[in-house]
Amino acid sequence: MFGNIKNKNLPINENFLLRPISPYGVSKAASHWITVNYREAHNLFAVCGICFNHESVLRNKNFVTKKIINTAVKISLGLADELRLGNIKVYRDWGYAPKYVEAMWLMLQKDNPDDYIISSGEVHSLEEFVIKVFEKLNLNVDKFVKIDESLYRQNDLEINYGDNSKAKRELKWEYNISFDKLIATLIDDEIEFIKWELKNKKSEEY
């Protein structure tokens, strides 16, 4: 929704100008303004949770965090040989999805509707994310991770992260999961998920 912040005046808060750089971002910005319009024009109780990257084991495999963790776990189990990635020099704000759902619920309990940035409030590079995942699994990142320039995006966000102070202040929401804890939780959940997938696949073969 916000695009690349040219003056790097980060973190992003609820008052930032929307300047999306992709059709996906444009659709999110349009949804945001439609919600605001209906709230103001028709006095509806409508809120916008502007959620930064929120991760869980249920992520689709086309999302980079899921791809990284799923492939790394499979490498550790002997089920994959390498992980191919594009630009890992980007910086993002990653959080744990179940905690973000708590914030969504809290928004709906307010007497007056409003819009809130929901984020971890921290920024980390994708490279750091990859390194921590592979270290956690005792894997050599240089051996298994390959950079593939064909996977680079033409127009990618360099850095973005959110200011969650309004949500903390007005919703009494707490985000208390460290980056290391997030990665450890996602890895543990992924291991259980892959075991479940393999068990179901084996059952289907019989």
C-alpha atoms as a PDB file:
ATOM      1  CA  MET A   1       0.000   0.000   0.000  1.00  0.00           C
ATOM      2  CA  PHE A   2       2.762   2.455   0.874  1.00  0.00           C
ATOM      3  CA  GLY A   3       5.391   1.629  -1.735  1.00  0.00           C
ATOM      4  CA  ASN A   4       9.027   2.643  -1.345  1.00  0.00           C
ATOM      5  CA  ILE A   5       9.372   5.448   1.179  1.00  0.00           C
ATOM      6  CA  LYS A   6      11.664   7.821  -0.688  1.00  0.00           C
ATOM      7  CA  ASN A   7      12.872   9.817   2.305  1.00  0.00           C
ATOM      8  CA  LYS A   8      13.221   6.674   4.462  1.00  0.00           C
ATOM      9  CA  ASN A   9      11.130   8.388   7.149  1.00  0.00           C
ATOM     10  CA  LEU A  10      10.281   5.091   8.787  1.00  0.00           C
ATOM     11  CA  PRO A  11       8.532   3.381  10.492  1.00  0.00           C
ATOM     12  CA  ILE A  12       5.242   3.692   8.624  1.00  0.00           C
ATOM     13  CA  ASN A  13       2.260   4.980  10.587  1.00  0.00           C
ATOM     14  CA  GLU A  14      -1.443   5.392   9.830  1.00  0.00           C
ATOM     15  CA  ASN A  15      -0.928   8.875   8.347  1.00  0.00           C
ATOM     16  CA  PHE A  16       1.516   7.896   5.603  1.00  0.00           C
ATOM     17  CA  LEU A  17       0.687   8.591   1.973  1.00  0.00           C
ATOM     18  CA  LEU A  18      -0.445   5.507   0.062  1.00  0.00           C
ATOM     19  CA  ARG A  19       1.716   5.003  -3.027  1.00  0.00           C
ATOM     20  CA  PRO A  20       1.550   1.329  -4.062  1.00  0.00           C
ATOM     21  CA  ILE A  21       4.023  -0.018  -6.621  1.00  0.00           C
ATOM     22  CA  SER A  22       2.140  -3.102  -7.844  1.00  0.00           C
ATOM     23  CA  PRO A  23      -1.407  -4.087  -8.884  1.00  0.00           C
ATOM     24  CA  TYR A  24      -1.573  -6.086  -5.637  1.00  0.00           C
ATOM     25  CA  GLY A  25      -0.734  -2.978  -3.624  1.00  0.00           C
ATOM     26  CA  VAL A  26      -3.178  -0.889  -5.643  1.00  0.00           C
ATOM     27  CA  SER A  27      -5.983  -3.352  -4.843  1.00  0.00           C
ATOM     28  CA  LYS A  28      -5.166  -3.147  -1.135  1.00  0.00           C
ATOM     29  CA  ALA A  29      -5.105   0.659  -1.212  1.00  0.00           C
ATOM     30  CA  ALA A  30      -8.449   0.712  -3.048  1.00  0.00           C
ATOM     31  CA  SER A  31      -9.982  -1.636  -0.471  1.00  0.00           C
ATOM     32  CA  HIS A  32      -8.692   0.604   2.310  1.00  0.00           C
ATOM     33  CA  TRP A  33     -10.203   3.781   0.850  1.00  0.00           C
ATOM     34  CA  ILE A  34     -13.525   2.087   0.029  1.00  0.00           C
ATOM     35  CA  THR A  35     -13.770   1.026   3.670  1.00  0.00           C
ATOM     36  CA  VAL A  36     -12.975   4.539   4.882  1.00  0.00           C
ATOM     37  CA  ASN A  37     -15.486   6.009   2.420  1.00  0.00           C
ATOM     38  CA  TYR A  38     -18.347   3.746   3.514  1.00  0.00           C
ATOM     39  CA  ARG A  39     -17.551   4.396   7.167  1.00  0.00           C
ATOM     40  CA  GLU A  40     -17.662   8.151   6.710  1.00  0.00           C
ATOM     41  CA  ALA A  41     -20.480   8.345   4.138  1.00  0.00           C
ATOM     42  CA  HIS A  42     -22.850   5.794   5.656  1.00  0.00           C
ATOM     43  CA  ASN A  43     -21.835   5.816   9.323  1.00  0.00           C
ATOM     44  CA  LEU A  44     -20.904   2.128   9.227  1.00  0.00           C
ATOM     45  CA  PHE A  45     -18.757   0.428  11.827  1.00  0.00           C
ATOM     46  CA  ALA A  46     -15.894  -0.429   9.483  1.00  0.00           C
ATOM     47  CA  VAL A  47     -12.237  -0.691  10.451  1.00  0.00           C
ATOM     48  CA  CYS A  48      -9.009  -1.253   8.535  1.00  0.00           C
ATOM     49  CA  GLY A  49      -6.251  -3.367   9.980  1.00  0.00           C
ATOM     50  CA  ILE A  50      -3.151  -2.503   7.952  1.00  0.00           C
ATOM     51  CA  CYS A  51      -1.296  -5.726   8.613  1.00  0.00           C
ATOM     52  CA  PHE A  52       2.377  -6.082   7.798  1.00  0.00           C
ATOM     53  CA  ASN A  53       3.769  -9.514   6.919  1.00  0.00           C
ATOM     54  CA  HIS A  54       2.177 -12.015   9.298  1.00  0.00           C
ATOM     55  CA  GLU A  55       3.444 -15.562   9.142  1.00  0.00           C
ATOM     56  CA  SER A  56       2.187 -19.004  10.097  1.00  0.00           C
ATOM     57  CA  VAL A  57       2.532 -22.600   8.981  1.00  0.00           C
ATOM     58  CA  LEU A  58      -0.639 -22.058   6.893  1.00  0.00           C
ATOM     59  CA  ARG A  59       1.132 -19.659   4.509  1.00  0.00           C
ATOM     60  CA  ASN A  60       0.921 -20.651   0.855  1.00  0.00           C
ATOM     61  CA  LYS A  61       4.203 -21.942  -0.563  1.00  0.00           C
ATOM     62  CA  ASN A  62       4.492 -19.055  -3.027  1.00  0.00           C
ATOM     63  CA  PHE A  63       5.267 -16.723  -0.083  1.00  0.00           C
ATOM     64  CA  VAL A  64       9.014 -16.427   0.448  1.00  0.00           C
ATOM     65  CA  THR A  65       9.023 -17.108   4.216  1.00  0.00           C
ATOM     66  CA  LYS A  66       7.075 -20.339   3.745  1.00  0.00           C
ATOM     67  CA  LYS A  67       9.333 -21.309   0.842  1.00  0.00           C
ATOM     68  CA  ILE A  68      12.448 -20.737   2.965  1.00  0.00           C
ATOM     69  CA  ILE A  69      11.275 -22.624   6.025  1.00  0.00           C
ATOM     70  CA  ASN A  70       9.572 -25.453   4.155  1.00  0.00           C
ATOM     71  CA  THR A  71      12.609 -26.061   1.924  1.00  0.00           C
ATOM     72  CA  ALA A  72      15.111 -25.751   4.792  1.00  0.00           C
ATOM     73  CA  VAL A  73      13.197 -28.282   6.898  1.00  0.00           C
ATOM     74  CA  LYS A  74      12.999 -30.640   3.914  1.00  0.00           C
ATOM     75  CA  ILE A  75      16.768 -30.277   3.392  1.00  0.00           C
ATOM     76  CA  SER A  76      17.306 -31.196   7.049  1.00  0.00           C
ATOM     77  CA  LEU A  77      15.115 -34.279   6.529  1.00  0.00           C
ATOM     78  CA  GLY A  78      16.883 -35.263   3.290  1.00  0.00           C
ATOM     79  CA  LEU A  79      13.831 -34.390   1.183  1.00  0.00           C
ATOM     80  CA  ALA A  80      15.343 -31.435  -0.742  1.00  0.00           C
ATOM     81  CA  ASP A  81      18.778 -30.456  -2.083  1.00  0.00           C
ATOM     82  CA  GLU A  82      18.805 -26.656  -2.334  1.00  0.00           C
ATOM     83  CA  LEU A  83      16.906 -23.421  -1.851  1.00  0.00           C
ATOM     84  CA  ARG A  84      16.837 -20.909  -4.724  1.00  0.00           C
ATOM     85  CA  LEU A  85      16.036 -17.291  -3.888  1.00  0.00           C
ATOM     86  CA  GLY A  86      16.041 -13.902  -5.583  1.00  0.00           C
ATOM     87  CA  ASN A  87      16.989 -10.627  -3.895  1.00  0.00           C
ATOM     88  CA  ILE A  88      17.683 -11.234  -0.206  1.00  0.00           C
ATOM     89  CA  LYS A  89      18.868  -7.649   0.438  1.00  0.00           C
ATOM     90  CA  VAL A  90      15.351  -6.423   1.202  1.00  0.00           C
ATOM     91  CA  TYR A  91      14.101  -5.528   4.676  1.00  0.00           C
ATOM     92  CA  ARG A  92      10.696  -6.434   6.084  1.00  0.00           C
ATOM     93  CA  ASP A  93       8.561  -6.391   9.228  1.00  0.00           C
ATOM     94  CA  TRP A  94       7.585 -10.004  10.029  1.00  0.00           C
ATOM     95  CA  GLY A  95       5.166 -11.016  12.771  1.00  0.00           C
ATOM     96  CA  TYR A  96       3.212 -14.041  13.999  1.00  0.00           C
ATOM     97  CA  ALA A  97      -0.260 -14.346  12.413  1.00  0.00           C
ATOM     98  CA  PRO A  98      -2.183 -15.546  15.514  1.00  0.00           C
ATOM     99  CA  LYS A  99      -1.088 -12.403  17.394  1.00  0.00           C
ATOM    100  CA  TYR A 100      -2.312 -10.251  14.503  1.00  0.00           C
ATOM    101  CA  VAL A 101      -5.714 -11.949  14.671  1.00  0.00           C
ATOM    102  CA  GLU A 102      -5.887 -10.855  18.316  1.00  0.00           C
ATOM    103  CA  ALA A 103      -5.429  -7.266  17.140  1.00  0.00           C
ATOM    104  CA  MET A 104      -8.147  -7.700  14.517  1.00  0.00           C
ATOM    105  CA  TRP A 105     -10.579  -8.888  17.199  1.00  0.00           C
ATOM    106  CA  LEU A 106      -9.660  -5.995  19.490  1.00  0.00           C
ATOM    107  CA  MET A 107     -10.389  -3.483  16.706  1.00  0.00           C
ATOM    108  CA  LEU A 108     -13.921  -4.824  16.490  1.00  0.00           C
ATOM    109  CA  GLN A 109     -14.501  -4.296  20.224  1.00  0.00           C
ATOM    110  CA  LYS A 110     -13.905  -0.550  20.070  1.00  0.00           C
ATOM    111  CA  ASP A 111     -16.804   1.887  20.504  1.00  0.00           C
ATOM    112  CA  ASN A 112     -15.613   3.954  17.553  1.00  0.00           C
ATOM    113  CA  PRO A 113     -14.164   2.462  14.342  1.00  0.00           C
ATOM    114  CA  ASP A 114     -10.682   3.473  13.245  1.00  0.00           C
ATOM    115  CA  ASP A 115      -7.663   2.244  11.279  1.00  0.00           C
ATOM    116  CA  TYR A 116      -4.581   0.614  12.778  1.00  0.00           C
ATOM    117  CA  ILE A 117      -1.105  -0.440  11.720  1.00  0.00           C
ATOM    118  CA  ILE A 118      -0.581  -4.001  12.918  1.00  0.00           C
ATOM    119  CA  SER A 119       3.088  -4.915  12.862  1.00  0.00           C
ATOM    120  CA  SER A 120       5.950  -6.249  14.962  1.00  0.00           C
ATOM    121  CA  GLY A 121       7.620  -2.837  14.887  1.00  0.00           C
ATOM    122  CA  GLU A 122      10.954  -4.448  13.942  1.00  0.00           C
ATOM    123  CA  VAL A 123      12.785  -4.655  10.643  1.00  0.00           C
ATOM    124  CA  HIS A 124      15.073  -7.464   9.469  1.00  0.00           C
ATOM    125  CA  SER A 125      16.625  -8.363   6.141  1.00  0.00           C
ATOM    126  CA  LEU A 126      15.546 -11.412   4.196  1.00  0.00           C
ATOM    127  CA  GLU A 127      19.190 -12.484   4.321  1.00  0.00           C
ATOM    128  CA  GLU A 128      19.059 -12.453   8.129  1.00  0.00           C
ATOM    129  CA  PHE A 129      15.826 -14.467   8.008  1.00  0.00           C
ATOM    130  CA  VAL A 130      17.481 -17.134   5.829  1.00  0.00           C
ATOM    131  CA  ILE A 131      20.628 -17.316   7.966  1.00  0.00           C
ATOM    132  CA  LYS A 132      18.669 -17.718  11.206  1.00  0.00           C
ATOM    133  CA  VAL A 133      16.467 -20.461   9.745  1.00  0.00           C
ATOM    134  CA  PHE A 134      19.468 -22.462   8.523  1.00  0.00           C
ATOM    135  CA  GLU A 135      21.397 -21.923  11.770  1.00  0.00           C
ATOM    136  CA  LYS A 136      18.406 -23.151  13.767  1.00  0.00           C
ATOM    137  CA  LEU A 137      18.388 -26.342  11.684  1.00  0.00           C
ATOM    138  CA  ASN A 138      22.202 -26.712  11.866  1.00  0.00           C
ATOM    139  CA  LEU A 139      22.524 -26.356   8.102  1.00  0.00           C
ATOM    140  CA  ASN A 140      25.279 -24.622   6.133  1.00  0.00           C
ATOM    141  CA  VAL A 141      23.553 -21.717   4.397  1.00  0.00           C
ATOM    142  CA  ASP A 142      26.364 -21.299   1.836  1.00  0.00           C
ATOM    143  CA  LYS A 143      26.083 -24.937   0.804  1.00  0.00           C
ATOM    144  CA  PHE A 144      22.333 -25.073   0.250  1.00  0.00           C
ATOM    145  CA  VAL A 145      21.178 -21.544  -0.666  1.00  0.00           C
ATOM    146  CA  LYS A 146      21.583 -20.352  -4.258  1.00  0.00           C
ATOM    147  CA  ILE A 147      20.825 -16.836  -5.491  1.00  0.00           C
ATOM    148  CA  ASP A 148      18.916 -16.869  -8.771  1.00  0.00           C
ATOM    149  CA  GLU A 149      18.679 -13.484 -10.511  1.00  0.00           C
ATOM    150  CA  SER A 150      15.754 -14.711 -12.595  1.00  0.00           C
ATOM    151  CA  LEU A 151      13.727 -14.584  -9.367  1.00  0.00           C
ATOM    152  CA  TYR A 152      14.397 -10.861  -8.816  1.00  0.00           C
ATOM    153  CA  ARG A 153      11.334  -8.624  -8.966  1.00  0.00           C
ATOM    154  CA  GLN A 154      11.414  -5.705 -11.396  1.00  0.00           C
ATOM    155  CA  ASN A 155       9.978  -3.314  -8.815  1.00  0.00           C
ATOM    156  CA  ASP A 156      10.513  -4.433  -5.241  1.00  0.00           C
ATOM    157  CA  LEU A 157      10.190  -2.718  -1.882  1.00  0.00           C
ATOM    158  CA  GLU A 158      13.627  -2.000  -0.452  1.00  0.00           C
ATOM    159  CA  ILE A 159      12.542  -1.612   3.164  1.00  0.00           C
ATOM    160  CA  ASN A 160       9.335  -1.204   5.116  1.00  0.00           C
ATOM    161  CA  TYR A 161       8.250  -1.651   8.697  1.00  0.00           C
ATOM    162  CA  GLY A 162       5.386  -0.393  10.775  1.00  0.00           C
ATOM    163  CA  ASP A 163       4.792   1.756  13.824  1.00  0.00           C
ATOM    164  CA  ASN A 164       2.403  -0.264  16.010  1.00  0.00           C
ATOM    165  CA  SER A 165       2.210   2.313  18.820  1.00  0.00           C
ATOM    166  CA  LYS A 166      -1.395   3.346  18.062  1.00  0.00           C
ATOM    167  CA  ALA A 167      -2.594  -0.274  18.219  1.00  0.00           C
ATOM    168  CA  LYS A 168      -0.703  -0.816  21.466  1.00  0.00           C
ATOM    169  CA  ARG A 169      -2.021   2.401  22.979  1.00  0.00           C
ATOM    170  CA  GLU A 170      -5.663   2.319  21.889  1.00  0.00           C
ATOM    171  CA  LEU A 171      -6.306  -1.416  21.616  1.00  0.00           C
ATOM    172  CA  LYS A 172      -4.099  -2.423  24.567  1.00  0.00           C
ATOM    173  CA  TRP A 173      -2.565  -4.938  22.168  1.00  0.00           C
ATOM    174  CA  GLU A 174       0.790  -6.485  22.931  1.00  0.00           C
ATOM    175  CA  TYR A 175       3.220  -7.957  20.474  1.00  0.00           C
ATOM    176  CA  ASN A 176       5.876  -9.728  22.518  1.00  0.00           C
ATOM    177  CA  ILE A 177       7.335 -12.312  20.139  1.00  0.00           C
ATOM    178  CA  SER A 178      10.983 -11.738  19.261  1.00  0.00           C
ATOM    179  CA  PHE A 179      12.321 -12.348  15.759  1.00  0.00           C
ATOM    180  CA  ASP A 180      14.244 -15.404  16.991  1.00  0.00           C
ATOM    181  CA  LYS A 181      11.141 -16.785  18.730  1.00  0.00           C
ATOM    182  CA  LEU A 182       9.065 -16.230  15.580  1.00  0.00           C
ATOM    183  CA  ILE A 183      11.512 -18.221  13.465  1.00  0.00           C
ATOM    184  CA  ALA A 184      11.798 -21.013  16.035  1.00  0.00           C
ATOM    185  CA  THR A 185       7.998 -21.287  16.237  1.00  0.00           C
ATOM    186  CA  LEU A 186       7.572 -21.326  12.461  1.00  0.00           C
ATOM    187  CA  ILE A 187      10.226 -24.045  12.103  1.00  0.00           C
ATOM    188  CA  ASP A 188       8.667 -26.224  14.827  1.00  0.00           C
ATOM    189  CA  ASP A 189       5.219 -25.841  13.260  1.00  0.00           C
ATOM    190  CA  GLU A 190       6.598 -26.617   9.784  1.00  0.00           C
ATOM    191  CA  ILE A 191       8.293 -29.813  10.975  1.00  0.00           C
ATOM    192  CA  GLU A 192       4.990 -31.046  12.419  1.00  0.00           C
ATOM    193  CA  PHE A 193       3.153 -29.973   9.257  1.00  0.00           C
ATOM    194  CA  ILE A 194       5.552 -31.844   6.948  1.00  0.00           C
ATOM    195  CA  LYS A 195       5.343 -34.962   9.131  1.00  0.00           C
ATOM    196  CA  TRP A 196       1.546 -34.735   8.901  1.00  0.00           C
ATOM    197  CA  GLU A 197       1.738 -34.347   5.093  1.00  0.00           C
ATOM    198  CA  LEU A 198       4.027 -37.362   4.757  1.00  0.00           C
ATOM    199  CA  LYS A 199       1.810 -39.463   7.021  1.00  0.00           C
ATOM    200  CA  ASN A 200      -1.297 -38.581   4.995  1.00  0.00           C
ATOM    201  CA  LYS A 201       0.498 -39.256   1.710  1.00  0.00           C
ATOM    202  CA  LYS A 202       1.567 -42.682   2.959  1.00  0.00           C
ATOM    203  CA  SER A 203      -2.008 -43.429   4.072  1.00  0.00           C
ATOM    204  CA  GLU A 204      -3.360 -42.513   0.629  1.00  0.00           C
ATOM    205  CA  GLU A 205      -0.924 -44.936  -1.024  1.00  0.00           C
ATOM    206  CA  TYR A 206      -2.498 -47.830   0.860  1.00  0.00           C
END
